[in-house]
Amino acid sequence: IMNGVLTLLLKWLLSMAICSILLLLTTGVRNKTLAAIVGVIFGTGTLGLVYMGLSSAVTNIFKTEGFNLAMYMPDGLMGVVNVSANTGVLNTVIVSAVCIALFFALTIRIFNTRDIK
């Protein structure tokens, strides 16, 4: 039971990281439609195809093996994290903390520079 609760907590952190990215987009571009479209793209996992292509490009350019960009993105980690199997736990904590701190700080900065109507 405890492993399931911890996995749920980590997935909640990843959800907060994704929400912070969407909040920045909504505030930054002032277009709720675009933010909704990006939210659907995040939610359906469509960015996995983009990550796969970028991972392949990085592997070919730098001649590395086993690089997976999805392991460093909040939406990519959402399906991977599992406390009982100990997969993606540390990546989830680091990525969530960095995304939440960075994107909330940028959102606050953008919001404070604009006039409130």
N, C-alpha and C. Protein backbone atom coordinates (compact mmCIF):
# COMPACT_ATOMS: atom_id res chain seq x y z
N ILE A 1 0.83 -1.20 0.00
CA ILE A 1 0.00 0.00 0.00
C ILE A 1 0.87 1.25 0.00
N MET A 2 1.95 1.25 0.80
CA MET A 2 2.79 2.44 0.91
C MET A 2 3.46 2.79 -0.42
N ASN A 3 3.88 1.75 -1.18
CA ASN A 3 4.50 2.02 -2.48
C ASN A 3 3.50 2.69 -3.43
N GLY A 4 2.25 2.27 -3.38
CA GLY A 4 1.22 2.89 -4.22
C GLY A 4 0.96 4.33 -3.84
N VAL A 5 0.97 4.62 -2.55
CA VAL A 5 0.76 6.00 -2.08
C VAL A 5 1.94 6.88 -2.51
N LEU A 6 3.17 6.36 -2.38
CA LEU A 6 4.33 7.14 -2.80
C LEU A 6 4.36 7.36 -4.31
N THR A 7 3.96 6.35 -5.07
CA THR A 7 3.88 6.52 -6.53
C THR A 7 2.83 7.58 -6.88
N LEU A 8 1.71 7.55 -6.19
CA LEU A 8 0.67 8.56 -6.42
C LEU A 8 1.19 9.95 -6.09
N LEU A 9 1.93 10.09 -5.00
CA LEU A 9 2.50 11.38 -4.62
C LEU A 9 3.48 11.88 -5.69
N LEU A 10 4.30 11.00 -6.22
CA LEU A 10 5.25 11.41 -7.26
C LEU A 10 4.52 11.81 -8.54
N LYS A 11 3.46 11.09 -8.88
CA LYS A 11 2.68 11.47 -10.06
C LYS A 11 1.96 12.80 -9.85
N TRP A 12 1.57 13.06 -8.61
CA TRP A 12 0.96 14.36 -8.29
C TRP A 12 1.99 15.47 -8.47
N LEU A 13 3.24 15.25 -8.03
CA LEU A 13 4.30 16.24 -8.24
C LEU A 13 4.53 16.49 -9.73
N LEU A 14 4.52 15.43 -10.52
CA LEU A 14 4.68 15.59 -11.97
C LEU A 14 3.51 16.37 -12.56
N SER A 15 2.32 16.13 -12.06
CA SER A 15 1.15 16.89 -12.53
C SER A 15 1.30 18.37 -12.20
N MET A 16 1.82 18.68 -11.03
CA MET A 16 2.04 20.07 -10.65
C MET A 16 3.10 20.71 -11.55
N ALA A 17 4.11 19.95 -11.94
CA ALA A 17 5.14 20.46 -12.85
C ALA A 17 4.52 20.78 -14.22
N ILE A 18 3.67 19.88 -14.72
CA ILE A 18 3.00 20.12 -16.00
C ILE A 18 2.08 21.33 -15.89
N CYS A 19 1.37 21.45 -14.78
CA CYS A 19 0.49 22.61 -14.58
C CYS A 19 1.28 23.91 -14.53
N SER A 20 2.47 23.88 -13.96
CA SER A 20 3.27 25.11 -13.92
C SER A 20 3.72 25.52 -15.33
N ILE A 21 4.00 24.54 -16.18
CA ILE A 21 4.35 24.85 -17.57
C ILE A 21 3.14 25.45 -18.29
N LEU A 22 1.97 24.86 -18.10
CA LEU A 22 0.76 25.39 -18.74
C LEU A 22 0.40 26.76 -18.21
N LEU A 23 0.62 26.99 -16.92
CA LEU A 23 0.35 28.31 -16.34
C LEU A 23 1.25 29.38 -16.96
N LEU A 24 2.52 29.03 -17.17
CA LEU A 24 3.43 29.97 -17.83
C LEU A 24 2.97 30.27 -19.25
N LEU A 25 2.55 29.25 -19.98
CA LEU A 25 2.08 29.47 -21.34
C LEU A 25 0.83 30.34 -21.37
N THR A 26 -0.09 30.07 -20.46
CA THR A 26 -1.33 30.85 -20.42
C THR A 26 -1.04 32.30 -20.07
N THR A 27 -0.18 32.52 -19.11
CA THR A 27 0.15 33.88 -18.70
C THR A 27 1.02 34.58 -19.73
N GLY A 28 1.96 33.84 -20.30
CA GLY A 28 2.93 34.44 -21.21
C GLY A 28 2.34 34.86 -22.54
N VAL A 29 1.52 34.02 -23.14
CA VAL A 29 1.01 34.34 -24.47
C VAL A 29 -0.38 34.95 -24.44
N ARG A 30 -1.01 34.97 -23.27
CA ARG A 30 -2.36 35.54 -23.11
C ARG A 30 -3.37 34.92 -24.07
N ASN A 31 -3.20 33.66 -24.34
CA ASN A 31 -4.10 32.97 -25.26
C ASN A 31 -4.53 31.66 -24.61
N LYS A 32 -5.76 31.64 -24.12
CA LYS A 32 -6.24 30.45 -23.44
C LYS A 32 -6.44 29.28 -24.38
N THR A 33 -6.75 29.55 -25.64
CA THR A 33 -6.94 28.50 -26.62
C THR A 33 -5.64 27.75 -26.87
N LEU A 34 -4.55 28.49 -27.04
CA LEU A 34 -3.26 27.86 -27.25
C LEU A 34 -2.86 27.03 -26.04
N ALA A 35 -3.10 27.55 -24.85
CA ALA A 35 -2.78 26.81 -23.63
C ALA A 35 -3.62 25.53 -23.54
N ALA A 36 -4.87 25.59 -23.95
CA ALA A 36 -5.72 24.40 -23.94
C ALA A 36 -5.21 23.36 -24.93
N ILE A 37 -4.78 23.81 -26.09
CA ILE A 37 -4.23 22.88 -27.09
C ILE A 37 -2.96 22.22 -26.57
N VAL A 38 -2.08 23.02 -25.97
CA VAL A 38 -0.85 22.46 -25.40
C VAL A 38 -1.18 21.49 -24.26
N GLY A 39 -2.20 21.81 -23.47
CA GLY A 39 -2.64 20.92 -22.40
C GLY A 39 -3.11 19.58 -22.94
N VAL A 40 -3.84 19.60 -24.04
CA VAL A 40 -4.29 18.35 -24.67
C VAL A 40 -3.10 17.57 -25.20
N ILE A 41 -2.13 18.27 -25.78
CA ILE A 41 -0.94 17.60 -26.29
C ILE A 41 -0.18 16.94 -25.14
N PHE A 42 -0.03 17.66 -24.02
CA PHE A 42 0.62 17.07 -22.85
C PHE A 42 -0.16 15.86 -22.35
N GLY A 43 -1.46 16.00 -22.27
CA GLY A 43 -2.31 14.95 -21.70
C GLY A 43 -2.40 13.69 -22.51
N THR A 44 -2.31 13.81 -23.82
CA THR A 44 -2.43 12.63 -24.67
C THR A 44 -1.10 11.93 -24.90
N GLY A 45 -0.02 12.51 -24.46
CA GLY A 45 1.29 11.88 -24.64
C GLY A 45 1.86 12.03 -26.03
N THR A 46 1.35 12.96 -26.79
CA THR A 46 1.82 13.17 -28.16
C THR A 46 3.27 13.64 -28.21
N LEU A 47 3.72 14.30 -27.14
CA LEU A 47 5.10 14.77 -27.13
C LEU A 47 6.10 13.61 -27.07
N GLY A 48 5.63 12.42 -26.74
CA GLY A 48 6.51 11.26 -26.74
C GLY A 48 7.15 11.02 -28.10
N LEU A 49 6.42 11.30 -29.16
CA LEU A 49 6.97 11.16 -30.51
C LEU A 49 8.07 12.19 -30.76
N VAL A 50 7.87 13.40 -30.25
CA VAL A 50 8.89 14.44 -30.38
C VAL A 50 10.13 14.05 -29.60
N TYR A 51 9.92 13.56 -28.36
CA TYR A 51 11.05 13.14 -27.54
C TYR A 51 11.82 12.00 -28.19
N MET A 52 11.11 11.09 -28.83
CA MET A 52 11.76 9.96 -29.49
C MET A 52 12.65 10.46 -30.64
N GLY A 53 12.14 11.40 -31.42
CA GLY A 53 12.93 11.96 -32.52
C GLY A 53 14.14 12.72 -32.03
N LEU A 54 13.96 13.53 -30.98
CA LEU A 54 15.09 14.28 -30.44
C LEU A 54 16.11 13.35 -29.79
N SER A 55 15.65 12.32 -29.13
CA SER A 55 16.57 11.34 -28.53
C SER A 55 17.39 10.65 -29.61
N SER A 56 16.75 10.31 -30.70
CA SER A 56 17.45 9.67 -31.81
C SER A 56 18.49 10.62 -32.41
N ALA A 57 18.13 11.89 -32.56
CA ALA A 57 19.07 12.86 -33.10
C ALA A 57 20.28 13.04 -32.17
N VAL A 58 20.03 13.13 -30.87
CA VAL A 58 21.14 13.27 -29.91
C VAL A 58 22.03 12.03 -29.95
N THR A 59 21.42 10.86 -30.05
CA THR A 59 22.19 9.61 -30.12
C THR A 59 23.08 9.59 -31.36
N ASN A 60 22.54 10.04 -32.49
CA ASN A 60 23.32 10.03 -33.73
C ASN A 60 24.40 11.11 -33.74
N ILE A 61 24.09 12.29 -33.22
CA ILE A 61 25.05 13.39 -33.26
C ILE A 61 26.21 13.16 -32.30
N PHE A 62 25.89 12.76 -31.07
CA PHE A 62 26.92 12.61 -30.04
C PHE A 62 27.43 11.18 -29.89
N LYS A 63 26.94 10.26 -30.73
CA LYS A 63 27.37 8.86 -30.71
C LYS A 63 27.26 8.25 -29.31
N THR A 64 26.08 8.43 -28.71
CA THR A 64 25.82 7.86 -27.39
C THR A 64 24.83 6.72 -27.51
N GLU A 65 24.72 5.95 -26.47
CA GLU A 65 23.78 4.84 -26.44
C GLU A 65 22.80 5.02 -25.29
N GLY A 66 21.54 4.74 -25.52
CA GLY A 66 20.56 4.70 -24.46
C GLY A 66 20.08 6.04 -23.94
N PHE A 67 20.26 7.13 -24.67
CA PHE A 67 19.75 8.43 -24.22
C PHE A 67 18.25 8.50 -24.49
N ASN A 68 17.49 8.89 -23.48
CA ASN A 68 16.04 8.99 -23.61
C ASN A 68 15.59 10.32 -23.00
N LEU A 69 15.23 11.26 -23.84
CA LEU A 69 14.82 12.59 -23.39
C LEU A 69 13.58 12.54 -22.52
N ALA A 70 12.71 11.58 -22.75
CA ALA A 70 11.47 11.48 -21.97
C ALA A 70 11.74 11.24 -20.49
N MET A 71 12.90 10.72 -20.15
CA MET A 71 13.23 10.49 -18.74
C MET A 71 13.59 11.79 -18.01
N TYR A 72 13.60 12.90 -18.73
CA TYR A 72 13.91 14.20 -18.14
C TYR A 72 12.78 15.21 -18.35
N MET A 73 11.61 14.74 -18.76
CA MET A 73 10.44 15.59 -18.98
C MET A 73 9.29 15.12 -18.11
N PRO A 74 8.52 16.06 -17.54
CA PRO A 74 7.46 15.64 -16.62
C PRO A 74 6.41 14.72 -17.23
N ASP A 75 6.00 15.00 -18.45
CA ASP A 75 4.97 14.15 -19.05
C ASP A 75 5.54 12.80 -19.46
N GLY A 76 6.82 12.74 -19.78
CA GLY A 76 7.45 11.46 -20.11
C GLY A 76 7.63 10.57 -18.89
N LEU A 77 7.90 11.19 -17.75
CA LEU A 77 8.09 10.44 -16.52
C LEU A 77 6.78 9.93 -15.93
N MET A 78 5.67 10.53 -16.32
CA MET A 78 4.38 10.18 -15.74
C MET A 78 4.07 8.68 -15.88
N GLY A 79 4.38 8.09 -17.01
CA GLY A 79 4.09 6.68 -17.21
C GLY A 79 5.19 5.75 -16.75
N VAL A 80 6.33 6.30 -16.36
CA VAL A 80 7.49 5.48 -16.02
C VAL A 80 7.66 5.32 -14.52
N VAL A 81 7.31 6.35 -13.76
CA VAL A 81 7.62 6.35 -12.33
C VAL A 81 6.87 5.23 -11.60
N ASN A 82 7.64 4.50 -10.77
CA ASN A 82 7.06 3.41 -9.99
C ASN A 82 7.97 3.18 -8.78
N VAL A 83 7.44 3.41 -7.61
CA VAL A 83 8.25 3.30 -6.39
C VAL A 83 8.61 1.85 -6.10
N SER A 84 7.68 0.92 -6.29
CA SER A 84 7.96 -0.48 -5.97
C SER A 84 9.05 -1.07 -6.86
N ALA A 85 9.14 -0.64 -8.11
CA ALA A 85 10.20 -1.10 -9.01
C ALA A 85 11.41 -0.18 -9.00
N ASN A 86 11.32 0.92 -8.25
CA ASN A 86 12.38 1.92 -8.13
C ASN A 86 12.81 2.45 -9.51
N THR A 87 11.84 2.77 -10.35
CA THR A 87 12.15 3.32 -11.67
C THR A 87 11.72 4.77 -11.74
N GLY A 88 12.64 5.62 -12.10
CA GLY A 88 12.35 7.03 -12.32
C GLY A 88 12.05 7.84 -11.08
N VAL A 89 12.33 7.32 -9.88
CA VAL A 89 11.97 8.03 -8.66
C VAL A 89 12.82 9.28 -8.48
N LEU A 90 14.13 9.15 -8.57
CA LEU A 90 15.01 10.30 -8.39
C LEU A 90 14.81 11.33 -9.50
N ASN A 91 14.68 10.85 -10.74
CA ASN A 91 14.41 11.77 -11.86
C ASN A 91 13.12 12.55 -11.63
N THR A 92 12.10 11.87 -11.12
CA THR A 92 10.81 12.51 -10.88
C THR A 92 10.93 13.62 -9.85
N VAL A 93 11.62 13.36 -8.77
CA VAL A 93 11.76 14.37 -7.72
C VAL A 93 12.53 15.58 -8.24
N ILE A 94 13.63 15.34 -8.94
CA ILE A 94 14.46 16.44 -9.44
C ILE A 94 13.73 17.23 -10.52
N VAL A 95 13.16 16.55 -11.50
CA VAL A 95 12.47 17.23 -12.60
C VAL A 95 11.27 18.02 -12.08
N SER A 96 10.51 17.44 -11.17
CA SER A 96 9.34 18.14 -10.62
C SER A 96 9.76 19.40 -9.87
N ALA A 97 10.76 19.27 -9.02
CA ALA A 97 11.21 20.43 -8.24
C ALA A 97 11.74 21.54 -9.13
N VAL A 98 12.54 21.18 -10.12
CA VAL A 98 13.11 22.20 -11.02
C VAL A 98 12.01 22.85 -11.85
N CYS A 99 11.12 22.06 -12.43
CA CYS A 99 10.04 22.62 -13.26
C CYS A 99 9.12 23.54 -12.44
N ILE A 100 8.71 23.09 -11.27
CA ILE A 100 7.81 23.89 -10.46
C ILE A 100 8.48 25.20 -10.06
N ALA A 101 9.71 25.13 -9.57
CA ALA A 101 10.41 26.35 -9.14
C ALA A 101 10.66 27.29 -10.32
N LEU A 102 11.15 26.77 -11.42
CA LEU A 102 11.50 27.60 -12.56
C LEU A 102 10.27 28.23 -13.22
N PHE A 103 9.27 27.42 -13.52
CA PHE A 103 8.13 27.93 -14.26
C PHE A 103 7.22 28.81 -13.41
N PHE A 104 7.10 28.52 -12.11
CA PHE A 104 6.33 29.42 -11.25
C PHE A 104 7.04 30.76 -11.10
N ALA A 105 8.37 30.73 -10.96
CA ALA A 105 9.12 31.98 -10.85
C ALA A 105 8.97 32.81 -12.13
N LEU A 106 9.06 32.18 -13.28
CA LEU A 106 8.88 32.91 -14.55
C LEU A 106 7.46 33.44 -14.69
N THR A 107 6.48 32.66 -14.27
CA THR A 107 5.08 33.10 -14.34
C THR A 107 4.86 34.32 -13.45
N ILE A 108 5.38 34.27 -12.25
CA ILE A 108 5.24 35.41 -11.33
C ILE A 108 5.92 36.64 -11.90
N ARG A 109 7.09 36.46 -12.49
CA ARG A 109 7.81 37.60 -13.09
C ARG A 109 7.00 38.21 -14.24
N ILE A 110 6.46 37.39 -15.11
CA ILE A 110 5.65 37.89 -16.23
C ILE A 110 4.39 38.57 -15.71
N PHE A 111 3.74 37.95 -14.74
CA PHE A 111 2.49 38.50 -14.20
C PHE A 111 2.74 39.86 -13.54
N ASN A 112 3.83 40.01 -12.81
CA ASN A 112 4.11 41.27 -12.13
C ASN A 112 4.52 42.39 -13.08
N THR A 113 5.01 42.07 -14.26
CA THR A 113 5.41 43.11 -15.19
C THR A 113 4.23 43.64 -16.01
N ARG A 114 3.13 42.95 -15.96
CA ARG A 114 1.96 43.38 -16.74
C ARG A 114 0.99 44.15 -15.86
N ASP A 115 0.24 45.01 -16.50
CA ASP A 115 -0.81 45.74 -15.80
C ASP A 115 -2.01 44.83 -15.61
N ILE A 116 -2.60 44.89 -14.47
CA ILE A 116 -3.82 44.11 -14.22
C ILE A 116 -4.99 44.97 -14.61
N LYS A 117 -5.85 44.43 -15.49
CA LYS A 117 -6.99 45.20 -15.99
C LYS A 117 -8.24 44.87 -15.23
